[in-house]
Amino acid sequence: MKSSRHLAGRLWRVLQVLVTLALLAMLLRTFSWEKVVEMWRHLDGGYLAASVALIAGATASGAVALLVLFELKGHAAWWARFTVDYFHVQAICQLTPAQAGEVALPYVSGRGRFAPGEIAASLVIQRMTSLGIIALAAVFGAGRWADPVMLWGATAFVLFSCLVAIAMIRNADIRGWFNEFVDRHFGSILYGFYDTLTSIFRDRRGRLLTHVVLMLGRFMVAVASSYTLLVAFGVAVPFWDLAGLSALATLAALVPISINGLGVTEGIFVVGLANYGYGTEQVLAACLAGRVLGILTLLLGSAAYWFLRWEDGRSAV
């Protein structure tokens, strides 16, 4: 049974690679490298730098949005260290479908500073909040590119999934079985999970509201990073249209048919921005450049994480 699951997992990863290559091949088929070279000559470095700063800001705001849900203990150095840990985990997410690498955060950021279960509970809330914001942005902003029925259906599915997850968490039998399973295979990373979750909804509602506001801000900063990146490549579209298209692309990328949505996101932007008169070269180059810049930004945070780990090890000797 275990070997069958392992084989199925490998076959699925191979399929993801093949789908990714096929999608990129379709996009590159009409690609003119001469236009790309000419475009790079007129690239606006200022907007490109602004996009990188906004990418870093969006990631940092995700860490802050989690921190406001915690039972903070007044150690500012812990908060800064958690932000570095968050960058590192987001770098891991680039290799996992639908950002599943976030489950590593309780391991990475526990270490006596914050309870792993507290981190896990806050991550669940953050993921639900993020999905809700993206679904609503797609419904109200992506109607010109997708059937409203499909968008409302996706929103209903997101809402239903969140409600099912909440119902499973509240069920004592399911919760007990799941805690035992996780303890047996991964250790006590869910210690305090349910207590934190109930405390947030019962006693930390002000923090929960602040979290939602911060996540809205994070989404807008992420859209702003895409906006400045596109402008750097000579692509100018209305900000709110870009917000709807970005939400649509994010929803589509949640379906793990390619490696981290590679090819899916780019294809949606190419088709969507063609309505504004922009060619494949401009849009695809901007999308791929944004993906590379995002990965490099996260890798810098990951490098800071490993440097701090090395410092911790050296001081412990």
Protein backbone atom coordinates (compact mmCIF):
# COMPACT_ATOMS: atom_id res chain seq x y z
CA MET A 1 0.00 0.00 0.00
CA LYS A 2 2.78 2.42 0.98
CA SER A 3 4.76 1.66 -2.19
CA SER A 4 1.62 2.19 -4.29
CA ARG A 5 1.08 5.64 -2.75
CA HIS A 6 4.74 6.47 -3.33
CA LEU A 7 4.48 5.41 -6.97
CA ALA A 8 1.27 7.41 -7.44
CA GLY A 9 2.97 10.46 -5.96
CA ARG A 10 5.91 10.15 -8.34
CA LEU A 11 3.63 9.71 -11.33
CA TRP A 12 1.65 12.80 -10.31
CA ARG A 13 4.86 14.86 -10.05
CA VAL A 14 5.91 13.65 -13.51
CA LEU A 15 2.49 14.66 -14.83
CA GLN A 16 2.88 18.12 -13.28
CA VAL A 17 6.25 18.55 -14.98
CA LEU A 18 4.80 17.47 -18.34
CA VAL A 19 1.81 19.81 -18.00
CA THR A 20 4.11 22.69 -17.03
CA LEU A 21 6.39 22.10 -20.03
CA ALA A 22 3.40 21.78 -22.37
CA LEU A 23 1.86 25.05 -21.16
CA LEU A 24 5.16 26.93 -21.46
CA ALA A 25 5.74 25.46 -24.93
CA MET A 26 2.31 26.71 -26.04
CA LEU A 27 3.05 30.19 -24.71
CA LEU A 28 6.52 30.33 -26.25
CA ARG A 29 5.37 29.07 -29.64
CA THR A 30 4.46 32.58 -30.81
CA PHE A 31 7.27 34.21 -28.84
CA SER A 32 9.50 36.67 -30.73
CA TRP A 33 12.95 36.88 -29.16
CA GLU A 34 13.73 40.00 -31.20
CA LYS A 35 10.85 41.80 -29.49
CA VAL A 36 12.06 40.58 -26.12
CA VAL A 37 15.56 41.97 -26.72
CA GLU A 38 14.09 45.31 -27.75
CA MET A 39 11.82 45.30 -24.72
CA TRP A 40 14.73 44.70 -22.33
CA ARG A 41 16.46 47.78 -23.73
CA HIS A 42 13.53 49.93 -22.65
CA LEU A 43 12.98 48.23 -19.30
CA ASP A 44 12.24 50.69 -16.49
CA GLY A 45 14.60 49.77 -13.65
CA GLY A 46 12.85 52.04 -11.13
CA TYR A 47 9.52 50.24 -11.45
CA LEU A 48 11.35 46.90 -11.35
CA ALA A 49 13.02 47.84 -8.05
CA ALA A 50 9.67 49.03 -6.68
CA SER A 51 8.15 45.67 -7.57
CA VAL A 52 10.85 43.82 -5.65
CA ALA A 53 10.28 46.04 -2.60
CA LEU A 54 6.54 45.41 -2.79
CA ILE A 55 7.09 41.63 -3.08
CA ALA A 56 9.15 41.77 0.11
CA GLY A 57 6.51 43.96 1.74
CA ALA A 58 3.68 41.58 0.85
CA THR A 59 5.59 38.64 2.34
CA ALA A 60 6.48 40.55 5.50
CA SER A 61 2.86 41.64 5.93
CA GLY A 62 1.85 37.96 5.86
CA ALA A 63 4.19 37.33 8.81
CA VAL A 64 2.84 40.35 10.69
CA ALA A 65 -0.76 39.22 10.04
CA LEU A 66 0.09 35.93 11.75
CA LEU A 67 1.88 37.60 14.64
CA VAL A 68 -1.15 39.70 15.62
CA LEU A 69 -3.06 36.45 16.23
CA PHE A 70 -0.42 35.10 18.62
CA GLU A 71 -0.31 35.49 22.37
CA LEU A 72 2.58 37.96 22.04
CA LYS A 73 5.12 37.89 24.82
CA GLY A 74 6.77 41.26 24.31
CA HIS A 75 9.98 40.03 22.68
CA ALA A 76 10.48 42.19 19.59
CA ALA A 77 13.49 40.07 18.57
CA TRP A 78 11.19 37.03 18.39
CA TRP A 79 8.88 38.88 16.01
CA ALA A 80 11.78 39.80 13.73
CA ARG A 81 13.06 36.23 13.80
CA PHE A 82 9.59 34.91 13.01
CA THR A 83 9.45 37.16 9.94
CA VAL A 84 12.76 35.67 8.72
CA ASP A 85 11.38 32.18 9.36
CA TYR A 86 8.27 33.11 7.38
CA PHE A 87 10.38 34.16 4.38
CA HIS A 88 12.21 30.83 4.56
CA VAL A 89 8.98 28.83 4.62
CA GLN A 90 7.55 30.85 1.74
CA ALA A 91 10.68 29.90 -0.24
CA ILE A 92 9.87 26.25 0.50
CA CYS A 93 6.33 26.90 -0.76
CA GLN A 94 7.72 27.58 -4.23
CA LEU A 95 8.40 23.85 -4.52
CA THR A 96 5.05 22.65 -3.18
CA PRO A 97 1.54 22.71 -4.69
CA ALA A 98 -0.91 25.34 -3.38
CA GLN A 99 1.73 26.59 -0.90
CA ALA A 100 1.49 23.38 1.10
CA GLY A 101 5.02 24.07 2.37
CA GLU A 102 3.49 26.39 4.98
CA VAL A 103 2.96 23.33 7.18
CA ALA A 104 6.72 23.55 7.92
CA LEU A 105 6.24 26.83 9.81
CA PRO A 106 5.32 25.21 13.18
CA TYR A 107 8.56 23.19 12.96
CA VAL A 108 10.67 26.14 11.90
CA SER A 109 9.33 28.83 14.22
CA GLY A 110 8.45 26.84 17.34
CA ARG A 111 11.73 26.40 19.17
CA GLY A 112 10.38 27.79 22.47
CA ARG A 113 9.39 31.20 21.12
CA PHE A 114 5.83 30.42 19.99
CA ALA A 115 3.85 27.23 20.53
CA PRO A 116 3.72 25.11 17.33
CA GLY A 117 -0.02 24.61 17.80
CA GLU A 118 -0.49 28.37 18.04
CA ILE A 119 1.32 28.81 14.73
CA ALA A 120 -0.68 26.01 13.09
CA ALA A 121 -4.02 27.47 14.25
CA SER A 122 -3.07 30.94 13.02
CA LEU A 123 -2.01 29.48 9.66
CA VAL A 124 -5.44 27.85 9.26
CA ILE A 125 -7.13 31.20 9.89
CA GLN A 126 -4.74 32.99 7.54
CA ARG A 127 -5.34 30.49 4.75
CA MET A 128 -9.12 30.77 5.12
CA THR A 129 -8.94 34.57 5.18
CA SER A 130 -6.68 34.65 2.14
CA LEU A 131 -8.93 32.30 0.16
CA GLY A 132 -11.99 34.36 1.04
CA ILE A 133 -10.34 37.61 -0.10
CA ILE A 134 -9.12 36.07 -3.36
CA ALA A 135 -12.50 34.47 -4.11
CA LEU A 136 -14.37 37.75 -3.53
CA ALA A 137 -11.86 39.70 -5.62
CA ALA A 138 -12.32 37.20 -8.45
CA VAL A 139 -16.13 37.33 -8.25
CA PHE A 140 -16.31 41.13 -8.35
CA GLY A 141 -13.31 41.80 -10.57
CA ALA A 142 -12.78 38.93 -13.02
CA GLY A 143 -16.20 38.77 -14.67
CA ARG A 144 -14.87 39.91 -18.05
CA TRP A 145 -12.50 36.94 -18.28
CA ALA A 146 -14.49 34.13 -16.69
CA ASP A 147 -18.11 33.02 -16.51
CA PRO A 148 -19.72 34.54 -13.37
CA VAL A 149 -21.38 31.19 -12.68
CA MET A 150 -17.94 29.56 -12.54
CA LEU A 151 -16.61 32.33 -10.28
CA TRP A 152 -19.54 32.06 -7.89
CA GLY A 153 -19.18 28.28 -7.97
CA ALA A 154 -15.50 28.57 -7.03
CA THR A 155 -16.41 30.97 -4.22
CA ALA A 156 -19.09 28.60 -2.94
CA PHE A 157 -16.58 25.75 -3.03
CA VAL A 158 -14.04 27.80 -1.07
CA LEU A 159 -16.66 28.73 1.52
CA PHE A 160 -17.92 25.15 1.76
CA SER A 161 -14.36 23.84 2.22
CA CYS A 162 -13.74 26.31 5.04
CA LEU A 163 -16.99 25.35 6.76
CA VAL A 164 -16.17 21.64 6.47
CA ALA A 165 -12.71 22.26 7.92
CA ILE A 166 -14.21 24.19 10.84
CA ALA A 167 -16.78 21.46 11.46
CA MET A 168 -14.04 18.80 11.49
CA ILE A 169 -11.93 20.84 13.89
CA ARG A 170 -14.88 21.31 16.25
CA ASN A 171 -15.72 17.60 16.23
CA ALA A 172 -13.95 16.09 19.26
CA ASP A 173 -13.67 12.58 17.77
CA ILE A 174 -12.17 13.74 14.47
CA ARG A 175 -9.91 16.20 16.27
CA GLY A 176 -8.67 13.51 18.64
CA TRP A 177 -7.97 11.06 15.81
CA PHE A 178 -6.14 13.69 13.79
CA ASN A 179 -4.06 14.85 16.77
CA GLU A 180 -3.05 11.27 17.48
CA PHE A 181 -2.12 10.71 13.82
CA VAL A 182 0.00 13.87 13.69
CA ASP A 183 1.67 13.11 17.04
CA ARG A 184 2.60 9.63 15.86
CA HIS A 185 4.06 10.71 12.52
CA PHE A 186 5.25 14.29 12.99
CA GLY A 187 5.52 14.98 16.72
CA SER A 188 3.53 17.27 19.01
CA ILE A 189 3.23 20.17 16.58
CA LEU A 190 -0.51 20.60 17.24
CA TYR A 191 -0.17 21.09 21.00
CA GLY A 192 -2.41 24.04 21.85
CA PHE A 193 -3.97 24.16 18.37
CA TYR A 194 -7.64 23.94 19.39
CA ASP A 195 -7.21 26.15 22.47
CA THR A 196 -5.60 28.84 20.32
CA LEU A 197 -8.29 28.59 17.65
CA THR A 198 -11.15 28.94 20.13
CA SER A 199 -9.34 31.71 21.99
CA ILE A 200 -8.91 33.74 18.80
CA PHE A 201 -12.62 33.60 17.97
CA ARG A 202 -13.72 34.07 21.59
CA ASP A 203 -11.18 36.41 23.22
CA ARG A 204 -9.08 37.92 20.41
CA ARG A 205 -11.75 39.21 18.04
CA GLY A 206 -10.04 42.58 17.81
CA ARG A 207 -6.86 40.86 16.70
CA LEU A 208 -8.86 38.74 14.26
CA LEU A 209 -10.30 41.89 12.69
CA THR A 210 -6.80 43.40 12.50
CA HIS A 211 -5.63 40.18 10.85
CA VAL A 212 -8.34 40.43 8.17
CA VAL A 213 -7.41 44.09 7.50
CA LEU A 214 -3.73 43.17 7.22
CA MET A 215 -4.52 40.33 4.83
CA LEU A 216 -6.55 42.73 2.68
CA GLY A 217 -3.55 45.03 2.70
CA ARG A 218 -1.29 42.13 1.79
CA PHE A 219 -3.43 41.31 -1.23
CA MET A 220 -3.39 44.94 -2.38
CA VAL A 221 0.40 45.17 -1.94
CA ALA A 222 0.81 41.96 -3.96
CA VAL A 223 -1.36 43.44 -6.74
CA ALA A 224 0.70 46.64 -6.58
CA SER A 225 3.88 44.60 -7.06
CA SER A 226 2.35 43.04 -10.20
CA TYR A 227 1.20 46.47 -11.36
CA THR A 228 4.67 48.04 -11.07
CA LEU A 229 6.29 44.99 -12.66
CA LEU A 230 3.99 45.19 -15.68
CA VAL A 231 4.62 48.94 -16.00
CA ALA A 232 8.36 48.20 -16.01
CA PHE A 233 7.72 46.14 -19.16
CA GLY A 234 5.50 48.77 -20.73
CA VAL A 235 2.18 47.13 -19.80
CA ALA A 236 -0.32 49.54 -18.23
CA VAL A 237 -3.74 48.27 -17.13
CA PRO A 238 -6.22 49.65 -14.57
CA PHE A 239 -5.26 48.61 -11.04
CA TRP A 240 -8.65 47.15 -10.14
CA ASP A 241 -8.81 45.13 -13.36
CA LEU A 242 -5.41 43.73 -12.49
CA ALA A 243 -6.65 42.86 -9.00
CA GLY A 244 -9.49 40.79 -10.46
CA LEU A 245 -7.23 39.08 -12.98
CA SER A 246 -4.63 38.32 -10.28
CA ALA A 247 -7.32 36.78 -8.08
CA LEU A 248 -8.53 34.63 -10.98
CA ALA A 249 -4.97 33.45 -11.70
CA THR A 250 -4.41 32.65 -8.02
CA LEU A 251 -7.59 30.58 -7.85
CA ALA A 252 -6.62 28.68 -10.99
CA ALA A 253 -3.11 28.04 -9.63
CA LEU A 254 -4.61 26.31 -6.58
CA VAL A 255 -5.46 23.36 -8.82
CA PRO A 256 -2.16 21.41 -8.70
CA ILE A 257 -1.91 20.48 -12.36
CA SER A 258 1.46 22.21 -12.85
CA ILE A 259 4.51 23.02 -10.73
CA ASN A 260 3.40 25.83 -8.40
CA GLY A 261 0.99 27.11 -11.06
CA LEU A 262 3.80 27.73 -13.57
CA GLY A 263 2.27 28.10 -17.01
CA VAL A 264 -1.26 28.38 -15.64
CA THR A 265 -0.77 31.85 -14.12
CA GLU A 266 1.21 33.08 -17.11
CA GLY A 267 -1.38 31.76 -19.57
CA ILE A 268 -4.23 33.56 -17.78
CA PHE A 269 -2.31 36.84 -17.80
CA VAL A 270 -1.37 36.49 -21.48
CA VAL A 271 -4.98 35.82 -22.50
CA GLY A 272 -6.45 38.38 -20.13
CA LEU A 273 -4.13 41.24 -21.07
CA ALA A 274 -4.45 40.53 -24.79
CA ASN A 275 -7.77 42.40 -24.53
CA TYR A 276 -5.76 45.53 -23.76
CA GLY A 277 -3.65 45.13 -26.88
CA TYR A 278 -0.51 43.68 -25.29
CA GLY A 279 1.36 40.87 -26.98
CA THR A 280 2.54 37.56 -25.57
CA GLU A 281 6.16 38.71 -25.35
CA GLN A 282 5.50 41.65 -23.04
CA VAL A 283 3.13 39.86 -20.70
CA LEU A 284 4.99 36.55 -20.54
CA ALA A 285 8.36 38.25 -20.01
CA ALA A 286 6.88 40.32 -17.19
CA CYS A 287 5.25 37.29 -15.57
CA LEU A 288 8.40 35.17 -15.72
CA ALA A 289 10.54 38.06 -14.49
CA GLY A 290 8.14 38.54 -11.58
CA ARG A 291 8.32 34.85 -10.72
CA VAL A 292 12.14 34.94 -10.76
CA LEU A 293 12.31 38.13 -8.70
CA GLY A 294 9.86 36.70 -6.19
CA ILE A 295 11.91 33.53 -5.79
CA LEU A 296 15.15 35.50 -5.42
CA THR A 297 13.56 37.74 -2.77
CA LEU A 298 12.39 34.72 -0.80
CA LEU A 299 15.78 33.04 -1.19
CA LEU A 300 17.43 36.08 0.38
CA GLY A 301 15.13 35.65 3.35
CA SER A 302 15.95 31.93 3.40
CA ALA A 303 19.67 32.76 3.37
CA ALA A 304 19.12 35.03 6.38
CA TYR A 305 17.33 32.15 8.11
CA TRP A 306 20.23 29.74 7.58
CA PHE A 307 22.73 32.39 8.66
CA LEU A 308 20.84 32.89 11.93
CA ARG A 309 20.66 29.12 12.42
CA TRP A 310 24.43 28.96 11.93
CA GLU A 311 24.89 31.78 14.45
CA ASP A 312 22.69 29.95 16.95
CA GLY A 313 24.74 26.79 16.52
CA ARG A 314 28.02 28.65 16.91
CA SER A 315 26.91 30.46 20.07
CA ALA A 316 25.67 27.18 21.57
CA VAL A 317 29.14 25.62 21.31
